[in-house]
Amino acid sequence: MKYSIILPTYNEALNISAMVRRIRELYGNDPEILIVDDRSPDGTFEQASALASDIPNVRAVLHDGPRSLSASVLCGFDRAQGDVLFCMDADGQHRPEDLGRLLSAMEHNDMVIGSRYVEGGGFAEKWKFSRVLTSRTAALMAKLILNVRIQDPMSGFFAIRKEAYEKVRAELDPRGFKIMLEILSLLILLPGIRIAETGIVFAMRKHGASKLSTHVILQYLLMLKNSFLKQRKLKKRTALSA
């Protein structure tokens, strides 16, 4: 199975080298690694370019479209050569050790979510109550508004078959923060699509600050609204073609 790992970055100069080298230690030359940088001012792209020049199967892409996590992920997915596409954070919170679990689960599925709330999942260190509450509230909103019936729609660590991704690509919004949830909300409406969760351990970021902010929260709420409207449109289209 040929697979690509997309690492969207913004101000991850202190983390990206360790992440790439750990993936290489565990999986060798098997995965294509695409580092898609969102025009970081801290020199992340220069670090990524140096890695790409030294390490086989590593590519560095400077994303020059709208600045957002979702846009960077879509840019990487569009350029990836693998049959299976992975998305994971470059800050160390998504552990390379868990990639193997997702890859194994992809043998029988079209999309696999790395979940902190199923068997084998959890947290490397205890989160503050406020952060747990924010995560759980966001997940509950996704379940209620988008009818997403998985335990952890907010993890951001996932794999998808490229052919499944291409079925919903035209509907995806490059703005925002939670592209995994947007993809998931559309795929669940398509017949024959198989989706699963597998446990991951969520680590603490190695360096730098969290990207969570009031702006990100507002983007998430807007994404929920837009995804709900897209679901309604897709349902109507499916009903008319039936």
Protein backbone atom coordinates (compact mmCIF):
# COMPACT_ATOMS: atom_id res chain seq x y z
CA MET A 1 0.00 0.00 0.00
CA LYS A 2 1.57 3.27 -1.12
CA TYR A 3 0.90 6.02 1.39
CA SER A 4 1.66 9.69 1.94
CA ILE A 5 1.93 11.57 5.23
CA ILE A 6 0.98 15.25 5.13
CA LEU A 7 2.44 17.46 7.86
CA PRO A 8 0.83 20.93 7.75
CA THR A 9 3.06 23.44 9.54
CA TYR A 10 2.97 26.95 10.89
CA ASN A 11 5.82 28.04 13.18
CA GLU A 12 7.09 24.50 13.78
CA ALA A 13 10.80 25.10 13.18
CA LEU A 14 11.64 23.56 16.57
CA ASN A 15 9.55 20.44 15.95
CA ILE A 16 9.63 19.48 12.28
CA SER A 17 13.06 17.84 12.10
CA ALA A 18 12.41 15.56 15.07
CA MET A 19 9.00 14.57 13.67
CA VAL A 20 10.33 13.66 10.22
CA ARG A 21 13.30 11.75 11.58
CA ARG A 22 11.08 9.77 13.97
CA ILE A 23 8.75 8.79 11.13
CA ARG A 24 11.77 7.68 9.13
CA GLU A 25 13.15 5.66 12.05
CA LEU A 26 9.88 3.76 12.36
CA TYR A 27 8.80 3.37 8.72
CA GLY A 28 11.92 3.86 6.60
CA ASN A 29 11.44 4.85 2.97
CA ASP A 30 7.87 3.52 2.75
CA PRO A 31 5.89 6.73 3.22
CA GLU A 32 6.08 9.85 1.14
CA ILE A 33 6.30 12.78 3.59
CA LEU A 34 4.93 16.15 2.47
CA ILE A 35 5.63 19.13 4.70
CA VAL A 36 3.20 21.88 3.70
CA ASP A 37 4.20 25.15 5.31
CA ASP A 38 1.78 28.04 5.69
CA ARG A 39 4.41 30.77 5.19
CA SER A 40 5.80 30.50 8.72
CA PRO A 41 7.87 33.49 9.85
CA ASP A 42 10.09 31.32 12.09
CA GLY A 43 12.01 29.53 9.32
CA THR A 44 9.96 26.32 9.25
CA PHE A 45 10.02 26.14 5.46
CA GLU A 46 13.80 26.51 5.37
CA GLN A 47 14.06 23.62 7.83
CA ALA A 48 11.65 21.58 5.72
CA SER A 49 13.59 22.32 2.53
CA ALA A 50 16.82 21.18 4.17
CA LEU A 51 15.17 17.92 5.22
CA ALA A 52 13.82 17.41 1.70
CA SER A 53 17.28 17.85 0.20
CA ASP A 54 18.81 15.30 2.59
CA ILE A 55 16.13 12.62 3.04
CA PRO A 56 14.53 10.46 0.32
CA ASN A 57 10.75 10.70 -0.10
CA VAL A 58 10.51 13.99 1.82
CA ARG A 59 9.05 16.98 -0.03
CA ALA A 60 8.65 20.57 1.16
CA VAL A 61 5.81 22.70 -0.20
CA LEU A 62 5.33 26.40 0.52
CA HIS A 63 1.60 26.94 0.59
CA ASP A 64 0.76 30.31 -0.95
CA GLY A 65 -3.03 30.12 -0.87
CA PRO A 66 -5.35 31.26 1.94
CA ARG A 67 -3.57 30.89 5.28
CA SER A 68 -5.29 28.13 7.25
CA LEU A 69 -4.70 24.60 8.44
CA SER A 70 -7.43 23.24 6.17
CA ALA A 71 -5.93 24.88 3.09
CA SER A 72 -2.51 23.43 3.88
CA VAL A 73 -3.93 19.92 4.32
CA LEU A 74 -5.87 20.13 1.06
CA CYS A 75 -2.76 21.39 -0.74
CA GLY A 76 -0.83 18.38 0.53
CA PHE A 77 -3.57 15.88 -0.29
CA ASP A 78 -3.89 17.27 -3.81
CA ARG A 79 -0.15 16.89 -4.44
CA ALA A 80 0.37 13.56 -2.68
CA GLN A 81 1.24 10.50 -4.74
CA GLY A 82 0.04 7.85 -2.29
CA ASP A 83 -3.11 5.75 -2.51
CA VAL A 84 -3.71 6.40 1.20
CA LEU A 85 -3.32 9.90 2.66
CA PHE A 86 -2.45 10.61 6.29
CA CYS A 87 -2.81 13.91 8.10
CA MET A 88 -1.04 14.53 11.38
CA ASP A 89 0.26 17.48 13.38
CA ALA A 90 3.97 18.25 13.25
CA ASP A 91 4.22 19.44 16.86
CA GLY A 92 4.55 15.99 18.46
CA GLN A 93 1.01 15.70 19.78
CA HIS A 94 0.25 13.09 17.13
CA ARG A 95 2.77 10.33 17.73
CA PRO A 96 4.46 8.60 14.76
CA GLU A 97 4.21 5.39 16.78
CA ASP A 98 0.44 5.40 16.19
CA LEU A 99 0.67 5.63 12.40
CA GLY A 100 0.98 1.86 12.16
CA ARG A 101 -2.41 1.37 13.84
CA LEU A 102 -4.12 3.62 11.33
CA LEU A 103 -2.32 1.98 8.43
CA SER A 104 -3.42 -1.49 9.53
CA ALA A 105 -7.02 -0.35 9.91
CA MET A 106 -6.96 1.13 6.39
CA GLU A 107 -6.74 -2.39 4.96
CA HIS A 108 -10.51 -2.68 5.36
CA ASN A 109 -11.72 0.93 5.49
CA ASP A 110 -11.94 4.11 3.43
CA MET A 111 -11.22 6.47 6.34
CA VAL A 112 -9.73 5.81 9.76
CA ILE A 113 -9.83 8.29 12.64
CA GLY A 114 -7.16 8.28 15.32
CA SER A 115 -9.21 8.44 18.52
CA ARG A 116 -8.30 9.35 22.08
CA TYR A 117 -11.57 7.93 23.40
CA VAL A 118 -11.64 4.31 22.20
CA GLU A 119 -9.73 1.24 23.37
CA GLY A 120 -5.99 1.85 23.15
CA GLY A 121 -6.41 5.63 23.09
CA GLY A 122 -5.73 8.24 25.72
CA PHE A 123 -3.45 11.06 26.79
CA ALA A 124 0.24 10.96 27.61
CA GLU A 125 -0.29 13.64 30.26
CA LYS A 126 -3.38 14.85 32.05
CA TRP A 127 -5.14 17.78 30.38
CA LYS A 128 -6.52 20.78 32.23
CA PHE A 129 -10.24 20.52 32.86
CA SER A 130 -10.95 23.57 30.68
CA ARG A 131 -9.20 22.00 27.70
CA VAL A 132 -11.02 18.69 28.14
CA LEU A 133 -14.33 20.56 28.39
CA THR A 134 -13.59 22.50 25.18
CA SER A 135 -12.71 19.31 23.29
CA ARG A 136 -15.73 17.39 24.55
CA THR A 137 -18.11 20.27 23.83
CA ALA A 138 -16.82 20.62 20.28
CA ALA A 139 -17.21 16.86 19.72
CA LEU A 140 -20.77 16.92 21.10
CA MET A 141 -21.69 19.79 18.78
CA ALA A 142 -20.36 17.80 15.81
CA LYS A 143 -22.46 14.81 16.79
CA LEU A 144 -25.64 16.83 17.30
CA ILE A 145 -25.35 19.10 14.27
CA LEU A 146 -23.67 16.83 11.72
CA ASN A 147 -24.81 13.42 12.99
CA VAL A 148 -21.19 12.25 13.18
CA ARG A 149 -21.30 9.03 15.19
CA ILE A 150 -17.70 8.56 16.20
CA GLN A 151 -16.08 9.10 19.58
CA ASP A 152 -13.38 11.60 18.65
CA PRO A 153 -14.21 13.79 15.63
CA MET A 154 -11.75 16.44 16.87
CA SER A 155 -8.45 14.55 16.97
CA GLY A 156 -7.21 15.76 13.56
CA PHE A 157 -5.15 12.58 13.09
CA PHE A 158 -6.62 10.50 10.27
CA ALA A 159 -6.09 8.49 7.11
CA ILE A 160 -8.23 8.39 3.97
CA ARG A 161 -8.09 6.61 0.64
CA LYS A 162 -7.35 9.08 -2.12
CA GLU A 163 -10.31 7.85 -4.16
CA ALA A 164 -12.64 8.58 -1.21
CA TYR A 165 -11.07 12.01 -0.73
CA GLU A 166 -11.60 12.84 -4.39
CA LYS A 167 -15.33 12.08 -4.07
CA VAL A 168 -15.80 15.02 -1.71
CA ARG A 169 -12.89 17.28 -2.72
CA ALA A 170 -15.03 19.76 -4.65
CA GLU A 171 -17.17 20.47 -1.58
CA LEU A 172 -14.32 21.14 0.86
CA ASP A 173 -13.64 24.62 2.20
CA PRO A 174 -9.96 25.67 2.45
CA ARG A 175 -10.80 28.03 5.30
CA GLY A 176 -10.81 26.87 8.86
CA PHE A 177 -9.22 24.45 11.25
CA LYS A 178 -10.98 21.07 11.33
CA ILE A 179 -10.75 19.64 7.83
CA MET A 180 -11.00 16.07 9.13
CA LEU A 181 -14.48 16.71 10.49
CA GLU A 182 -15.62 18.40 7.29
CA ILE A 183 -14.43 15.45 5.19
CA LEU A 184 -16.05 13.00 7.62
CA SER A 185 -19.39 14.85 7.59
CA LEU A 186 -19.62 14.38 3.82
CA LEU A 187 -18.29 10.84 3.57
CA ILE A 188 -20.87 9.48 6.02
CA LEU A 189 -23.57 10.35 3.48
CA LEU A 190 -22.02 8.33 0.66
CA PRO A 191 -23.09 4.70 0.15
CA GLY A 192 -20.51 1.98 0.70
CA ILE A 193 -17.99 4.15 2.56
CA ARG A 194 -16.34 2.36 5.50
CA ILE A 195 -15.17 4.50 8.43
CA ALA A 196 -13.47 3.31 11.62
CA GLU A 197 -11.68 4.60 14.69
CA THR A 198 -8.51 3.26 16.26
CA GLY A 199 -6.83 4.26 19.49
CA ILE A 200 -4.05 6.84 19.63
CA VAL A 201 -2.22 8.38 22.56
CA PHE A 202 -2.28 12.17 22.44
CA ALA A 203 1.06 13.58 23.55
CA MET A 204 2.02 17.07 24.67
CA ARG A 205 3.44 19.43 22.04
CA LYS A 206 7.24 19.45 22.14
CA HIS A 207 7.88 23.15 21.51
CA GLY A 208 5.89 26.27 20.72
CA ALA A 209 2.36 27.36 21.59
CA SER A 210 -1.07 25.91 20.84
CA LYS A 211 -2.90 27.37 17.83
CA LEU A 212 -6.24 27.41 19.70
CA SER A 213 -7.69 30.91 19.88
CA THR A 214 -11.01 32.74 19.81
CA HIS A 215 -10.61 33.11 16.05
CA VAL A 216 -10.14 29.35 15.67
CA ILE A 217 -13.27 28.70 17.75
CA LEU A 218 -15.30 31.06 15.56
CA GLN A 219 -13.93 29.32 12.46
CA TYR A 220 -15.07 26.00 13.92
CA LEU A 221 -18.59 27.26 14.50
CA LEU A 222 -18.74 28.60 10.94
CA MET A 223 -17.49 25.25 9.64
CA LEU A 224 -20.27 23.43 11.50
CA LYS A 225 -22.85 25.69 9.90
CA ASN A 226 -21.41 25.35 6.40
CA SER A 227 -20.98 21.59 6.72
CA PHE A 228 -24.60 21.22 7.82
CA LEU A 229 -25.75 23.13 4.73
CA LYS A 230 -23.50 20.99 2.51
CA GLN A 231 -24.98 17.84 4.03
CA ARG A 232 -28.49 19.05 3.22
CA LYS A 233 -27.48 19.80 -0.37
CA LEU A 234 -25.81 16.41 -0.77
CA LYS A 235 -28.81 14.60 0.64
CA LYS A 236 -31.14 16.37 -1.80
CA ARG A 237 -28.83 15.57 -4.71
CA THR A 238 -28.65 11.93 -3.68
CA ALA A 239 -32.43 11.70 -3.34
CA LEU A 240 -32.98 13.19 -6.80
CA SER A 241 -30.56 10.74 -8.42
CA ALA A 242 -32.04 7.71 -6.68
